[in-house]
Structures are given as C-alpha cells and as structure tokens.
C-alpha cells in the first residue's frame, strides 16, 4: 500500500483468527482479508498483527496523537514508514 510493506502491521492469519466475524466472512482468503483491512480494519482500529497494537501505539506516543488525532490509518502508516526504524514499540 502506497509503496510500503505493511507486513509488520498486517498478518492475514492473525487477523482472521483474532476476529470471528472475519474468519466467518473470509476464512483464510488473504486477498479478501487484506482488502477488508485497508478498507475497514484500519478505520475500525483492528489489530492485524501480534507485533502491532494500534491502540497501544496511539496511547503510548503523545506526538503521534497530536499529529494524527483520530485519523486511525495514519498510525499504521507511521509505524511502517517511520516507527519501526525509530525503535518505537507498539505492543
């Protein structure tokens, strides 16, 4: 997405297994799960990886809350674009 590797924040097996509604709707269809994640999951602030909890990430970093407020997809973007390399923790 946007030329970035979102695998640190999205693992299709984790996502499907964490949320029964997704498991029921999409099973293990990685493409359908990815499409749900980018269309709905980020806006719903769903956790799609054991290594990234968006609520923890938002709550832990005041500078991100000040910059992004309630723009939930930006927390995922920030983590994959900058946060990992900055050594920020999201769990």
N, C-alpha and C. Protein backbone atom coordinates (compact mmCIF):
# COMPACT_ATOMS: atom_id res chain seq x y z
N UNK A 1 0.85 -1.18 0.00
CA UNK A 1 0.00 0.00 0.00
C UNK A 1 0.88 1.23 0.00
N UNK A 2 0.68 2.14 -0.91
CA UNK A 2 1.48 3.36 -1.02
C UNK A 2 2.98 3.06 -1.12
N UNK A 3 3.32 1.91 -1.69
CA UNK A 3 4.73 1.55 -1.85
C UNK A 3 5.40 1.10 -0.57
N UNK A 4 4.64 0.88 0.49
CA UNK A 4 5.21 0.45 1.77
C UNK A 4 4.85 -1.00 2.07
N UNK A 5 5.71 -1.64 2.83
CA UNK A 5 5.48 -3.00 3.28
C UNK A 5 4.66 -2.95 4.57
N UNK A 6 3.43 -3.37 4.51
CA UNK A 6 2.55 -3.34 5.67
C UNK A 6 2.58 -4.65 6.46
N UNK A 7 3.48 -5.56 6.13
CA UNK A 7 3.51 -6.84 6.84
C UNK A 7 3.78 -6.70 8.34
N UNK A 8 4.48 -5.65 8.83
CA UNK A 8 4.61 -5.54 10.28
C UNK A 8 3.29 -5.25 11.00
N UNK A 9 2.30 -4.73 10.29
CA UNK A 9 1.02 -4.41 10.92
C UNK A 9 -0.12 -5.28 10.41
N UNK A 10 0.16 -6.14 9.42
CA UNK A 10 -0.89 -7.00 8.87
C UNK A 10 -0.37 -8.40 8.62
N UNK A 11 -0.96 -9.34 9.32
CA UNK A 11 -0.70 -10.76 9.12
C UNK A 11 -2.07 -11.40 8.89
N UNK A 12 -2.32 -11.90 7.68
CA UNK A 12 -3.67 -12.38 7.37
C UNK A 12 -4.15 -13.50 8.29
N UNK A 13 -3.28 -14.41 8.67
CA UNK A 13 -3.69 -15.50 9.58
C UNK A 13 -4.07 -14.95 10.95
N UNK A 14 -3.25 -14.05 11.45
CA UNK A 14 -3.54 -13.44 12.76
C UNK A 14 -4.87 -12.69 12.69
N UNK A 15 -5.04 -11.91 11.67
CA UNK A 15 -6.25 -11.08 11.50
C UNK A 15 -7.50 -11.96 11.45
N UNK A 16 -7.45 -12.99 10.65
CA UNK A 16 -8.59 -13.89 10.52
C UNK A 16 -8.90 -14.61 11.82
N UNK A 17 -7.86 -15.08 12.49
CA UNK A 17 -8.06 -15.85 13.73
C UNK A 17 -8.47 -14.97 14.91
N UNK A 18 -8.08 -13.71 14.91
CA UNK A 18 -8.41 -12.81 16.02
C UNK A 18 -9.88 -12.39 15.99
N UNK A 19 -10.46 -12.28 14.81
CA UNK A 19 -11.81 -11.76 14.67
C UNK A 19 -12.74 -12.80 14.04
N UNK A 20 -13.62 -13.39 14.84
CA UNK A 20 -14.53 -14.42 14.31
C UNK A 20 -15.39 -13.94 13.14
N UNK A 21 -15.75 -12.65 13.14
CA UNK A 21 -16.56 -12.15 12.03
C UNK A 21 -15.80 -12.22 10.72
N UNK A 22 -14.50 -11.95 10.77
CA UNK A 22 -13.68 -12.03 9.55
C UNK A 22 -13.44 -13.47 9.15
N UNK A 23 -13.20 -14.33 10.12
CA UNK A 23 -12.99 -15.76 9.84
C UNK A 23 -14.23 -16.32 9.16
N UNK A 24 -15.39 -15.95 9.66
CA UNK A 24 -16.64 -16.44 9.08
C UNK A 24 -16.86 -15.89 7.68
N UNK A 25 -16.55 -14.62 7.47
CA UNK A 25 -16.81 -13.98 6.17
C UNK A 25 -15.77 -14.35 5.12
N UNK A 26 -14.50 -14.43 5.52
CA UNK A 26 -13.42 -14.56 4.53
C UNK A 26 -12.56 -15.81 4.69
N UNK A 27 -12.73 -16.53 5.78
CA UNK A 27 -11.89 -17.70 6.00
C UNK A 27 -10.43 -17.31 6.00
N UNK A 28 -9.66 -18.00 5.16
CA UNK A 28 -8.23 -17.73 5.05
C UNK A 28 -7.87 -17.05 3.73
N UNK A 29 -8.84 -16.42 3.10
CA UNK A 29 -8.60 -15.73 1.83
C UNK A 29 -7.79 -14.45 2.09
N UNK A 30 -6.49 -14.54 1.85
CA UNK A 30 -5.58 -13.43 2.18
C UNK A 30 -5.93 -12.15 1.45
N UNK A 31 -6.34 -12.25 0.20
CA UNK A 31 -6.68 -11.06 -0.57
C UNK A 31 -7.92 -10.38 0.01
N UNK A 32 -8.93 -11.17 0.34
CA UNK A 32 -10.15 -10.61 0.92
C UNK A 32 -9.85 -9.99 2.29
N UNK A 33 -9.01 -10.64 3.08
CA UNK A 33 -8.65 -10.10 4.39
C UNK A 33 -7.88 -8.79 4.25
N UNK A 34 -6.94 -8.74 3.31
CA UNK A 34 -6.18 -7.52 3.07
C UNK A 34 -7.11 -6.39 2.64
N UNK A 35 -8.03 -6.70 1.72
CA UNK A 35 -8.97 -5.68 1.25
C UNK A 35 -9.85 -5.17 2.40
N UNK A 36 -10.27 -6.07 3.26
CA UNK A 36 -11.05 -5.64 4.42
C UNK A 36 -10.20 -4.74 5.31
N UNK A 37 -8.97 -5.14 5.56
CA UNK A 37 -8.09 -4.37 6.44
C UNK A 37 -7.88 -2.95 5.94
N UNK A 38 -7.57 -2.80 4.65
CA UNK A 38 -7.30 -1.45 4.15
C UNK A 38 -8.57 -0.63 3.96
N UNK A 39 -9.70 -1.29 3.76
CA UNK A 39 -10.95 -0.58 3.56
C UNK A 39 -11.67 -0.27 4.87
N UNK A 40 -11.66 -1.23 5.79
CA UNK A 40 -12.42 -1.09 7.03
C UNK A 40 -11.57 -1.26 8.29
N UNK A 41 -10.70 -2.26 8.29
CA UNK A 41 -9.98 -2.64 9.50
C UNK A 41 -9.17 -1.54 10.14
N UNK A 42 -8.44 -0.77 9.33
CA UNK A 42 -7.65 0.32 9.91
C UNK A 42 -8.57 1.38 10.50
N UNK A 43 -9.65 1.70 9.83
CA UNK A 43 -10.59 2.70 10.35
C UNK A 43 -11.29 2.22 11.62
N UNK A 44 -11.42 0.90 11.76
CA UNK A 44 -12.00 0.32 12.97
C UNK A 44 -10.95 0.10 14.05
N UNK A 45 -9.70 0.41 13.74
CA UNK A 45 -8.56 0.26 14.64
C UNK A 45 -8.37 -1.19 15.08
N UNK A 46 -8.55 -2.10 14.13
CA UNK A 46 -8.38 -3.52 14.43
C UNK A 46 -6.89 -3.87 14.44
N UNK A 47 -6.57 -4.76 15.33
CA UNK A 47 -5.20 -5.27 15.41
C UNK A 47 -5.07 -6.42 14.43
N UNK A 48 -4.12 -6.32 13.52
CA UNK A 48 -3.96 -7.33 12.48
C UNK A 48 -2.60 -8.02 12.54
N UNK A 49 -1.88 -7.80 13.62
CA UNK A 49 -0.56 -8.40 13.79
C UNK A 49 -0.25 -8.45 15.28
N UNK A 50 0.41 -9.53 15.71
CA UNK A 50 0.80 -9.64 17.12
C UNK A 50 1.83 -8.57 17.48
N UNK A 51 2.54 -8.06 16.49
CA UNK A 51 3.61 -7.09 16.71
C UNK A 51 3.13 -5.63 16.72
N UNK A 52 1.87 -5.40 16.37
CA UNK A 52 1.38 -4.03 16.30
C UNK A 52 -0.02 -3.93 16.84
N UNK A 53 -0.16 -3.26 17.98
CA UNK A 53 -1.46 -2.96 18.54
C UNK A 53 -1.69 -1.47 18.35
N UNK A 54 -2.61 -1.09 17.48
CA UNK A 54 -2.78 0.33 17.17
C UNK A 54 -3.19 1.17 18.38
N UNK A 55 -3.97 0.60 19.28
CA UNK A 55 -4.38 1.35 20.47
C UNK A 55 -3.18 1.63 21.36
N UNK A 56 -2.33 0.65 21.55
CA UNK A 56 -1.12 0.84 22.34
C UNK A 56 -0.23 1.89 21.70
N UNK A 57 -0.08 1.80 20.40
CA UNK A 57 0.78 2.75 19.68
C UNK A 57 0.26 4.18 19.84
N UNK A 58 -1.02 4.36 19.67
CA UNK A 58 -1.62 5.69 19.80
C UNK A 58 -1.49 6.20 21.24
N UNK A 59 -1.80 5.35 22.19
CA UNK A 59 -1.77 5.77 23.59
C UNK A 59 -0.36 6.05 24.10
N UNK A 60 0.62 5.36 23.56
CA UNK A 60 2.00 5.48 24.04
C UNK A 60 2.69 6.76 23.58
N UNK A 61 2.31 7.30 22.43
CA UNK A 61 3.07 8.40 21.84
C UNK A 61 2.21 9.65 21.66
N UNK A 62 2.44 10.60 22.54
CA UNK A 62 1.70 11.86 22.50
C UNK A 62 1.95 12.62 21.21
N UNK A 63 3.18 12.57 20.68
CA UNK A 63 3.48 13.29 19.45
C UNK A 63 2.63 12.77 18.29
N UNK A 64 2.35 11.48 18.27
CA UNK A 64 1.51 10.92 17.22
C UNK A 64 0.05 11.33 17.42
N UNK A 65 -0.41 11.31 18.64
CA UNK A 65 -1.79 11.76 18.91
C UNK A 65 -1.96 13.22 18.50
N UNK A 66 -0.95 14.03 18.78
CA UNK A 66 -1.03 15.45 18.39
C UNK A 66 -1.01 15.61 16.88
N UNK A 67 -0.27 14.77 16.19
CA UNK A 67 -0.15 14.88 14.73
C UNK A 67 -1.35 14.27 14.00
N UNK A 68 -1.85 13.13 14.49
CA UNK A 68 -2.85 12.37 13.74
C UNK A 68 -4.24 12.35 14.36
N UNK A 69 -4.34 12.69 15.63
CA UNK A 69 -5.65 12.70 16.27
C UNK A 69 -6.42 11.41 16.05
N UNK A 70 -7.60 11.52 15.46
CA UNK A 70 -8.45 10.35 15.21
C UNK A 70 -8.31 9.78 13.80
N UNK A 71 -7.28 10.18 13.07
CA UNK A 71 -7.03 9.64 11.74
C UNK A 71 -6.34 8.29 11.91
N UNK A 72 -7.14 7.28 12.16
CA UNK A 72 -6.63 5.96 12.55
C UNK A 72 -5.67 5.33 11.55
N UNK A 73 -5.94 5.35 10.25
CA UNK A 73 -4.98 4.74 9.32
C UNK A 73 -3.57 5.32 9.39
N UNK A 74 -3.47 6.57 9.83
CA UNK A 74 -2.14 7.19 9.90
C UNK A 74 -1.24 6.55 10.94
N UNK A 75 -1.78 5.94 11.96
CA UNK A 75 -0.95 5.25 12.96
C UNK A 75 -0.28 4.02 12.35
N UNK A 76 -1.01 3.31 11.52
CA UNK A 76 -0.43 2.16 10.81
C UNK A 76 0.65 2.64 9.85
N UNK A 77 0.30 3.68 9.10
CA UNK A 77 1.25 4.25 8.14
C UNK A 77 2.52 4.71 8.85
N UNK A 78 2.36 5.47 9.92
CA UNK A 78 3.53 5.98 10.63
C UNK A 78 4.43 4.84 11.10
N UNK A 79 3.82 3.80 11.64
CA UNK A 79 4.62 2.69 12.16
C UNK A 79 5.46 2.04 11.06
N UNK A 80 4.85 1.74 9.93
CA UNK A 80 5.61 1.06 8.86
C UNK A 80 6.58 2.01 8.16
N UNK A 81 6.23 3.28 8.08
CA UNK A 81 7.10 4.24 7.38
C UNK A 81 8.22 4.76 8.27
N UNK A 82 7.94 4.92 9.56
CA UNK A 82 8.92 5.56 10.44
C UNK A 82 9.11 4.86 11.77
N UNK A 83 8.03 4.47 12.41
CA UNK A 83 8.07 3.97 13.77
C UNK A 83 9.00 2.81 14.01
N UNK A 84 8.99 1.85 13.11
CA UNK A 84 9.87 0.69 13.27
C UNK A 84 11.32 1.15 13.30
N UNK A 85 11.69 1.97 12.34
CA UNK A 85 13.08 2.44 12.26
C UNK A 85 13.46 3.35 13.41
N UNK A 86 12.47 3.99 14.02
CA UNK A 86 12.73 4.85 15.18
C UNK A 86 12.80 4.05 16.46
N UNK A 87 12.52 2.76 16.38
CA UNK A 87 12.55 1.90 17.57
C UNK A 87 11.33 2.04 18.45
N UNK A 88 10.23 2.53 17.88
CA UNK A 88 9.02 2.69 18.68
C UNK A 88 8.35 1.33 18.88
N UNK A 89 7.77 1.16 20.05
CA UNK A 89 7.09 -0.09 20.40
C UNK A 89 5.60 0.06 20.21
N UNK A 90 4.96 -1.00 19.77
CA UNK A 90 3.53 -0.97 19.52
C UNK A 90 2.81 -2.13 20.18
N UNK A 91 3.43 -2.73 21.18
CA UNK A 91 2.79 -3.83 21.93
C UNK A 91 3.03 -3.63 23.41
